[in-house]
Amino acid sequence: MHQDDPLRDEADEATGPLRRRRTMPPRKKLAQILDELAADATRTRISLADLVQAMHGRAFGALLLIFALPNALPAIPGTSGILGLPLVFLAFQMMLGKEPWLPRFIALRSMPRDDFANLVERINPWLEWADRFTAPRIQILAEPLAQRLIGGFCLLLSVVLALPVPFVNMLPGAALCLIGLGVLERDGLWMSGGIAVGVVAVIVAAFVITVLSGGAWFIFTNAF
């Protein structure tokens, strides 16, 4: 007859969580998630709501990166005004410590799966390149309070990015990309780099806005 062994029970209880951690599957990279969405033949279109669901709680970093990336590169005029508003919305939620959520009129925006697959094919090489240099580092920046403070800074960058001011969109876009990748991979080093670029972006934006405002005031006062 089997007899209970208290020592064995205590050992099983202590090592149980360790065994569960060892059997947990590795975290999927953003490039892999995008590939899986693009290859899902059951979908005819891919919406932002699909992306949020696919991220499984990592949507802040992924969506910051996805929305900011077009603004970090030379793009069609007006892109910052369109993509900046979702960034403002997401950064505000991140600052409040809320779960990522998009209003219906944004969440249901979609594109054909074939177009999404072509987009993924173009951006995934860059994501895979960046992934090779990411790792969980400077974990203090991944703590909830730090994430809320970073969310507040992202909100400031998003407002700057959304402003209809020339020459000030690429730097905050680049900063949000770096921060988004760091949040996604819990890599404080990338977050720190994004914060540093973001500080420069805010200074440059303030300088440009001051110069343009001074020029506009000079023209106005001398025209009347």
C-alpha atoms as a PDB file:
ATOM      1  CA  MET A   1       0.000   0.000   0.000  1.00  0.00           C
ATOM      2  CA  HIS A   2       1.338   3.410  -0.977  1.00  0.00           C
ATOM      3  CA  GLN A   3       2.165   5.724   1.923  1.00  0.00           C
ATOM      4  CA  ASP A   4       2.356   9.487   1.606  1.00  0.00           C
ATOM      5  CA  ASP A   5       5.867  10.918   1.831  1.00  0.00           C
ATOM      6  CA  PRO A   6       5.764  14.499   3.205  1.00  0.00           C
ATOM      7  CA  LEU A   7       9.294  15.239   2.018  1.00  0.00           C
ATOM      8  CA  ARG A   8       8.482  14.062  -1.489  1.00  0.00           C
ATOM      9  CA  ASP A   9       5.281  16.099  -1.525  1.00  0.00           C
ATOM     10  CA  GLU A  10       7.190  19.226  -0.474  1.00  0.00           C
ATOM     11  CA  ALA A  11       9.822  18.623  -3.159  1.00  0.00           C
ATOM     12  CA  ASP A  12       7.134  18.163  -5.826  1.00  0.00           C
ATOM     13  CA  GLU A  13       5.418  21.338  -4.680  1.00  0.00           C
ATOM     14  CA  ALA A  14       8.679  23.295  -4.824  1.00  0.00           C
ATOM     15  CA  THR A  15       9.808  21.987  -8.196  1.00  0.00           C
ATOM     16  CA  GLY A  16       6.373  22.091  -9.838  1.00  0.00           C
ATOM     17  CA  PRO A  17       6.542  25.776 -10.896  1.00  0.00           C
ATOM     18  CA  LEU A  18      10.096  25.220 -12.159  1.00  0.00           C
ATOM     19  CA  ARG A  19       8.957  22.316 -14.349  1.00  0.00           C
ATOM     20  CA  ARG A  20       6.075  24.408 -15.669  1.00  0.00           C
ATOM     21  CA  ARG A  21       8.454  27.235 -16.556  1.00  0.00           C
ATOM     22  CA  ARG A  22      10.736  24.824 -18.357  1.00  0.00           C
ATOM     23  CA  THR A  23       7.864  23.454 -20.458  1.00  0.00           C
ATOM     24  CA  MET A  24       6.494  26.887 -21.393  1.00  0.00           C
ATOM     25  CA  PRO A  25       6.911  27.609 -25.122  1.00  0.00           C
ATOM     26  CA  PRO A  26       9.284  30.440 -26.057  1.00  0.00           C
ATOM     27  CA  ARG A  27       7.821  33.860 -26.732  1.00  0.00           C
ATOM     28  CA  LYS A  28       7.029  34.401 -30.370  1.00  0.00           C
ATOM     29  CA  LYS A  29       8.799  37.209 -32.152  1.00  0.00           C
ATOM     30  CA  LEU A  30       6.779  39.928 -33.868  1.00  0.00           C
ATOM     31  CA  ALA A  31       8.007  38.788 -37.294  1.00  0.00           C
ATOM     32  CA  GLN A  32       6.728  35.266 -36.595  1.00  0.00           C
ATOM     33  CA  ILE A  33       3.330  36.552 -35.439  1.00  0.00           C
ATOM     34  CA  LEU A  34       2.976  38.675 -38.557  1.00  0.00           C
ATOM     35  CA  ASP A  35       3.993  35.733 -40.751  1.00  0.00           C
ATOM     36  CA  GLU A  36       1.333  33.544 -39.156  1.00  0.00           C
ATOM     37  CA  LEU A  37      -1.357  36.180 -39.682  1.00  0.00           C
ATOM     38  CA  ALA A  38      -0.313  36.684 -43.289  1.00  0.00           C
ATOM     39  CA  ALA A  39      -0.389  32.924 -43.930  1.00  0.00           C
ATOM     40  CA  ASP A  40      -3.837  32.399 -42.371  1.00  0.00           C
ATOM     41  CA  ALA A  41      -5.907  31.363 -45.384  1.00  0.00           C
ATOM     42  CA  THR A  42      -9.128  31.547 -43.346  1.00  0.00           C
ATOM     43  CA  ARG A  43      -8.907  35.345 -43.364  1.00  0.00           C
ATOM     44  CA  THR A  44      -9.640  37.503 -46.378  1.00  0.00           C
ATOM     45  CA  ARG A  45      -8.672  40.725 -44.596  1.00  0.00           C
ATOM     46  CA  ILE A  46      -6.427  41.604 -41.636  1.00  0.00           C
ATOM     47  CA  SER A  47      -7.685  44.255 -39.228  1.00  0.00           C
ATOM     48  CA  LEU A  48      -5.995  46.125 -36.410  1.00  0.00           C
ATOM     49  CA  ALA A  49      -8.239  44.171 -34.041  1.00  0.00           C
ATOM     50  CA  ASP A  50      -6.676  40.969 -35.416  1.00  0.00           C
ATOM     51  CA  LEU A  51      -3.218  42.347 -34.651  1.00  0.00           C
ATOM     52  CA  VAL A  52      -4.170  43.290 -31.088  1.00  0.00           C
ATOM     53  CA  GLN A  53      -5.589  39.812 -30.468  1.00  0.00           C
ATOM     54  CA  ALA A  54      -2.547  38.090 -31.976  1.00  0.00           C
ATOM     55  CA  MET A  55      -0.119  39.930 -29.682  1.00  0.00           C
ATOM     56  CA  HIS A  56      -1.498  38.257 -26.524  1.00  0.00           C
ATOM     57  CA  GLY A  57      -0.855  41.144 -24.139  1.00  0.00           C
ATOM     58  CA  ARG A  58       2.174  42.550 -25.973  1.00  0.00           C
ATOM     59  CA  ALA A  59       0.109  44.821 -28.208  1.00  0.00           C
ATOM     60  CA  PHE A  60       1.469  48.110 -26.832  1.00  0.00           C
ATOM     61  CA  GLY A  61       5.000  47.503 -28.047  1.00  0.00           C
ATOM     62  CA  ALA A  62       3.902  45.942 -31.325  1.00  0.00           C
ATOM     63  CA  LEU A  63       1.350  48.624 -32.186  1.00  0.00           C
ATOM     64  CA  LEU A  64       3.681  51.463 -31.216  1.00  0.00           C
ATOM     65  CA  LEU A  65       6.238  49.952 -33.565  1.00  0.00           C
ATOM     66  CA  ILE A  66       3.766  49.327 -36.403  1.00  0.00           C
ATOM     67  CA  PHE A  67       2.189  52.801 -36.289  1.00  0.00           C
ATOM     68  CA  ALA A  68       5.463  54.655 -35.756  1.00  0.00           C
ATOM     69  CA  LEU A  69       7.547  52.892 -38.412  1.00  0.00           C
ATOM     70  CA  PRO A  70       6.044  54.704 -41.445  1.00  0.00           C
ATOM     71  CA  ASN A  71       6.721  58.017 -39.704  1.00  0.00           C
ATOM     72  CA  ALA A  72      10.370  57.132 -39.118  1.00  0.00           C
ATOM     73  CA  LEU A  73      10.912  56.979 -42.880  1.00  0.00           C
ATOM     74  CA  PRO A  74      10.283  59.522 -45.649  1.00  0.00           C
ATOM     75  CA  ALA A  75       6.608  59.071 -46.435  1.00  0.00           C
ATOM     76  CA  ILE A  76       3.656  60.690 -48.152  1.00  0.00           C
ATOM     77  CA  PRO A  77       2.773  64.076 -46.592  1.00  0.00           C
ATOM     78  CA  GLY A  78      -0.055  63.746 -44.098  1.00  0.00           C
ATOM     79  CA  THR A  79       0.946  60.284 -42.848  1.00  0.00           C
ATOM     80  CA  SER A  80       1.886  61.629 -39.431  1.00  0.00           C
ATOM     81  CA  GLY A  81      -1.543  63.187 -38.972  1.00  0.00           C
ATOM     82  CA  ILE A  82      -3.274  59.898 -39.796  1.00  0.00           C
ATOM     83  CA  LEU A  83      -1.050  57.506 -37.855  1.00  0.00           C
ATOM     84  CA  GLY A  84      -0.266  59.923 -35.046  1.00  0.00           C
ATOM     85  CA  LEU A  85      -3.782  59.831 -33.597  1.00  0.00           C
ATOM     86  CA  PRO A  86      -3.803  56.061 -32.905  1.00  0.00           C
ATOM     87  CA  LEU A  87      -0.365  56.489 -31.331  1.00  0.00           C
ATOM     88  CA  VAL A  88      -1.736  59.213 -29.038  1.00  0.00           C
ATOM     89  CA  PHE A  89      -4.618  56.937 -28.074  1.00  0.00           C
ATOM     90  CA  LEU A  90      -2.392  53.931 -27.331  1.00  0.00           C
ATOM     91  CA  ALA A  91       0.245  55.939 -25.447  1.00  0.00           C
ATOM     92  CA  PHE A  92      -2.455  57.501 -23.253  1.00  0.00           C
ATOM     93  CA  GLN A  93      -3.714  54.031 -22.290  1.00  0.00           C
ATOM     94  CA  MET A  94      -0.166  52.845 -21.629  1.00  0.00           C
ATOM     95  CA  MET A  95       0.384  55.832 -19.336  1.00  0.00           C
ATOM     96  CA  LEU A  96      -2.766  54.911 -17.379  1.00  0.00           C
ATOM     97  CA  GLY A  97      -1.705  51.272 -17.096  1.00  0.00           C
ATOM     98  CA  LYS A  98      -4.749  50.067 -19.042  1.00  0.00           C
ATOM     99  CA  GLU A  99      -4.990  47.108 -21.385  1.00  0.00           C
ATOM    100  CA  PRO A 100      -4.497  48.078 -25.050  1.00  0.00           C
ATOM    101  CA  TRP A 101      -7.810  48.845 -26.699  1.00  0.00           C
ATOM    102  CA  LEU A 102      -8.722  50.666 -29.876  1.00  0.00           C
ATOM    103  CA  PRO A 103     -12.063  52.300 -30.635  1.00  0.00           C
ATOM    104  CA  ARG A 104     -14.189  50.499 -33.186  1.00  0.00           C
ATOM    105  CA  PHE A 105     -13.562  52.957 -36.018  1.00  0.00           C
ATOM    106  CA  ILE A 106      -9.800  52.326 -35.679  1.00  0.00           C
ATOM    107  CA  ALA A 107      -9.861  48.634 -34.699  1.00  0.00           C
ATOM    108  CA  LEU A 108     -11.921  47.627 -37.743  1.00  0.00           C
ATOM    109  CA  ARG A 109      -9.590  49.268 -40.246  1.00  0.00           C
ATOM    110  CA  SER A 110      -8.227  46.464 -42.389  1.00  0.00           C
ATOM    111  CA  MET A 111      -6.467  45.540 -45.586  1.00  0.00           C
ATOM    112  CA  PRO A 112      -6.680  42.532 -47.911  1.00  0.00           C
ATOM    113  CA  ARG A 113      -4.616  39.602 -46.663  1.00  0.00           C
ATOM    114  CA  ASP A 114      -2.528  39.577 -49.855  1.00  0.00           C
ATOM    115  CA  ASP A 115      -1.577  43.231 -49.353  1.00  0.00           C
ATOM    116  CA  PHE A 116      -0.805  42.516 -45.705  1.00  0.00           C
ATOM    117  CA  ALA A 117       1.375  39.578 -46.738  1.00  0.00           C
ATOM    118  CA  ASN A 118       3.317  41.807 -49.154  1.00  0.00           C
ATOM    119  CA  LEU A 119       3.812  44.387 -46.403  1.00  0.00           C
ATOM    120  CA  VAL A 120       5.007  41.716 -43.966  1.00  0.00           C
ATOM    121  CA  GLU A 121       7.441  40.415 -46.584  1.00  0.00           C
ATOM    122  CA  ARG A 122       9.007  43.875 -46.824  1.00  0.00           C
ATOM    123  CA  ILE A 123       9.247  44.737 -43.128  1.00  0.00           C
ATOM    124  CA  ASN A 124      10.046  41.347 -41.580  1.00  0.00           C
ATOM    125  CA  PRO A 125      13.723  41.340 -42.662  1.00  0.00           C
ATOM    126  CA  TRP A 126      14.194  44.551 -40.671  1.00  0.00           C
ATOM    127  CA  LEU A 127      12.330  43.143 -37.672  1.00  0.00           C
ATOM    128  CA  GLU A 128      14.371  39.931 -37.781  1.00  0.00           C
ATOM    129  CA  TRP A 129      17.584  41.950 -37.957  1.00  0.00           C
ATOM    130  CA  ALA A 130      16.549  43.973 -34.897  1.00  0.00           C
ATOM    131  CA  ASP A 131      15.423  40.837 -33.046  1.00  0.00           C
ATOM    132  CA  ARG A 132      18.968  39.483 -33.109  1.00  0.00           C
ATOM    133  CA  PHE A 133      20.036  42.372 -30.879  1.00  0.00           C
ATOM    134  CA  THR A 134      17.186  42.246 -28.360  1.00  0.00           C
ATOM    135  CA  ALA A 135      17.130  40.460 -25.009  1.00  0.00           C
ATOM    136  CA  PRO A 136      15.518  41.037 -21.595  1.00  0.00           C
ATOM    137  CA  ARG A 137      17.799  43.734 -20.143  1.00  0.00           C
ATOM    138  CA  ILE A 138      17.530  46.580 -17.609  1.00  0.00           C
ATOM    139  CA  GLN A 139      14.355  44.973 -16.314  1.00  0.00           C
ATOM    140  CA  ILE A 140      13.580  47.933 -14.054  1.00  0.00           C
ATOM    141  CA  LEU A 141      12.228  49.665 -17.168  1.00  0.00           C
ATOM    142  CA  ALA A 142       9.821  46.766 -17.698  1.00  0.00           C
ATOM    143  CA  GLU A 143       8.223  47.268 -14.274  1.00  0.00           C
ATOM    144  CA  PRO A 144       4.617  48.604 -14.258  1.00  0.00           C
ATOM    145  CA  LEU A 145       5.481  52.050 -12.862  1.00  0.00           C
ATOM    146  CA  ALA A 146       8.327  52.533 -15.337  1.00  0.00           C
ATOM    147  CA  GLN A 147       6.057  51.425 -18.179  1.00  0.00           C
ATOM    148  CA  ARG A 148       3.481  54.045 -17.183  1.00  0.00           C
ATOM    149  CA  LEU A 149       6.146  56.765 -17.114  1.00  0.00           C
ATOM    150  CA  ILE A 150       7.402  55.606 -20.508  1.00  0.00           C
ATOM    151  CA  GLY A 151       3.797  55.684 -21.714  1.00  0.00           C
ATOM    152  CA  GLY A 152       3.586  59.346 -20.660  1.00  0.00           C
ATOM    153  CA  PHE A 153       6.746  60.115 -22.623  1.00  0.00           C
ATOM    154  CA  CYS A 154       5.357  58.210 -25.628  1.00  0.00           C
ATOM    155  CA  LEU A 155       2.222  60.343 -25.357  1.00  0.00           C
ATOM    156  CA  LEU A 156       4.357  63.483 -25.621  1.00  0.00           C
ATOM    157  CA  LEU A 157       6.214  62.039 -28.626  1.00  0.00           C
ATOM    158  CA  SER A 158       2.929  61.042 -30.258  1.00  0.00           C
ATOM    159  CA  VAL A 159       1.536  64.558 -29.885  1.00  0.00           C
ATOM    160  CA  VAL A 160       4.723  65.986 -31.415  1.00  0.00           C
ATOM    161  CA  LEU A 161       4.512  63.462 -34.245  1.00  0.00           C
ATOM    162  CA  ALA A 162       0.880  64.313 -34.962  1.00  0.00           C
ATOM    163  CA  LEU A 163       1.536  68.065 -35.179  1.00  0.00           C
ATOM    164  CA  PRO A 164       1.266  69.460 -38.726  1.00  0.00           C
ATOM    165  CA  VAL A 165       4.779  70.873 -38.503  1.00  0.00           C
ATOM    166  CA  PRO A 166       7.386  70.073 -41.170  1.00  0.00           C
ATOM    167  CA  PHE A 167      10.739  68.429 -40.344  1.00  0.00           C
ATOM    168  CA  VAL A 168       9.730  67.208 -36.867  1.00  0.00           C
ATOM    169  CA  ASN A 169       8.007  63.856 -37.560  1.00  0.00           C
ATOM    170  CA  MET A 170      10.855  61.458 -38.337  1.00  0.00           C
ATOM    171  CA  LEU A 171      12.747  61.771 -35.041  1.00  0.00           C
ATOM    172  CA  PRO A 172       9.749  61.091 -32.753  1.00  0.00           C
ATOM    173  CA  GLY A 173       8.756  58.284 -35.127  1.00  0.00           C
ATOM    174  CA  ALA A 174      12.213  56.717 -34.786  1.00  0.00           C
ATOM    175  CA  ALA A 175      12.105  57.143 -30.995  1.00  0.00           C
ATOM    176  CA  LEU A 176       8.708  55.429 -30.770  1.00  0.00           C
ATOM    177  CA  CYS A 177       9.993  52.558 -32.923  1.00  0.00           C
ATOM    178  CA  LEU A 178      12.913  51.976 -30.560  1.00  0.00           C
ATOM    179  CA  ILE A 179      10.708  52.225 -27.472  1.00  0.00           C
ATOM    180  CA  GLY A 180       8.061  49.973 -29.042  1.00  0.00           C
ATOM    181  CA  LEU A 181      10.621  47.284 -29.827  1.00  0.00           C
ATOM    182  CA  GLY A 182      12.022  47.540 -26.310  1.00  0.00           C
ATOM    183  CA  VAL A 183       8.567  47.241 -24.728  1.00  0.00           C
ATOM    184  CA  LEU A 184       7.726  44.300 -26.981  1.00  0.00           C
ATOM    185  CA  GLU A 185      10.884  42.375 -26.036  1.00  0.00           C
ATOM    186  CA  ARG A 186      11.199  43.721 -22.452  1.00  0.00           C
ATOM    187  CA  ASP A 187      14.566  45.171 -23.445  1.00  0.00           C
ATOM    188  CA  GLY A 188      15.398  48.238 -21.374  1.00  0.00           C
ATOM    189  CA  LEU A 189      18.431  49.013 -23.526  1.00  0.00           C
ATOM    190  CA  TRP A 190      16.287  49.667 -26.594  1.00  0.00           C
ATOM    191  CA  MET A 191      13.834  51.632 -24.455  1.00  0.00           C
ATOM    192  CA  SER A 192      16.697  53.765 -23.152  1.00  0.00           C
ATOM    193  CA  GLY A 193      17.891  54.406 -26.691  1.00  0.00           C
ATOM    194  CA  GLY A 194      14.387  55.402 -27.725  1.00  0.00           C
ATOM    195  CA  ILE A 195      14.071  57.759 -24.758  1.00  0.00           C
ATOM    196  CA  ALA A 196      17.397  59.408 -25.668  1.00  0.00           C
ATOM    197  CA  VAL A 197      16.299  59.889 -29.296  1.00  0.00           C
ATOM    198  CA  GLY A 198      12.927  61.117 -28.031  1.00  0.00           C
ATOM    199  CA  VAL A 199      14.531  63.814 -25.871  1.00  0.00           C
ATOM    200  CA  VAL A 200      16.446  65.056 -28.921  1.00  0.00           C
ATOM    201  CA  ALA A 201      13.198  64.929 -30.945  1.00  0.00           C
ATOM    202  CA  VAL A 202      11.343  67.079 -28.397  1.00  0.00           C
ATOM    203  CA  ILE A 203      14.196  69.630 -28.314  1.00  0.00           C
ATOM    204  CA  VAL A 204      14.311  69.809 -32.118  1.00  0.00           C
ATOM    205  CA  ALA A 205      10.517  70.126 -32.315  1.00  0.00           C
ATOM    206  CA  ALA A 206      10.504  72.919 -29.733  1.00  0.00           C
ATOM    207  CA  PHE A 207      13.232  74.754 -31.674  1.00  0.00           C
ATOM    208  CA  VAL A 208      11.449  74.393 -35.026  1.00  0.00           C
ATOM    209  CA  ILE A 209       8.095  75.461 -33.569  1.00  0.00           C
ATOM    210  CA  THR A 210       9.716  78.468 -31.900  1.00  0.00           C
ATOM    211  CA  VAL A 211      11.429  79.541 -35.141  1.00  0.00           C
ATOM    212  CA  LEU A 212       8.276  79.078 -37.222  1.00  0.00           C
ATOM    213  CA  SER A 213       6.141  80.889 -34.646  1.00  0.00           C
ATOM    214  CA  GLY A 214       8.616  83.772 -34.497  1.00  0.00           C
ATOM    215  CA  GLY A 215       8.682  84.004 -38.285  1.00  0.00           C
ATOM    216  CA  ALA A 216       4.886  83.943 -38.502  1.00  0.00           C
ATOM    217  CA  TRP A 217       4.594  86.639 -35.821  1.00  0.00           C
ATOM    218  CA  PHE A 218       7.172  88.794 -37.622  1.00  0.00           C
ATOM    219  CA  ILE A 219       5.263  88.504 -40.913  1.00  0.00           C
ATOM    220  CA  PHE A 220       1.938  89.232 -39.201  1.00  0.00           C
ATOM    221  CA  THR A 221       3.161  92.312 -37.344  1.00  0.00           C
ATOM    222  CA  ASN A 222       4.858  93.761 -40.411  1.00  0.00           C
ATOM    223  CA  ALA A 223       1.942  93.061 -42.725  1.00  0.00           C
ATOM    224  CA  PHE A 224      -0.543  95.131 -40.747  1.00  0.00           C
END
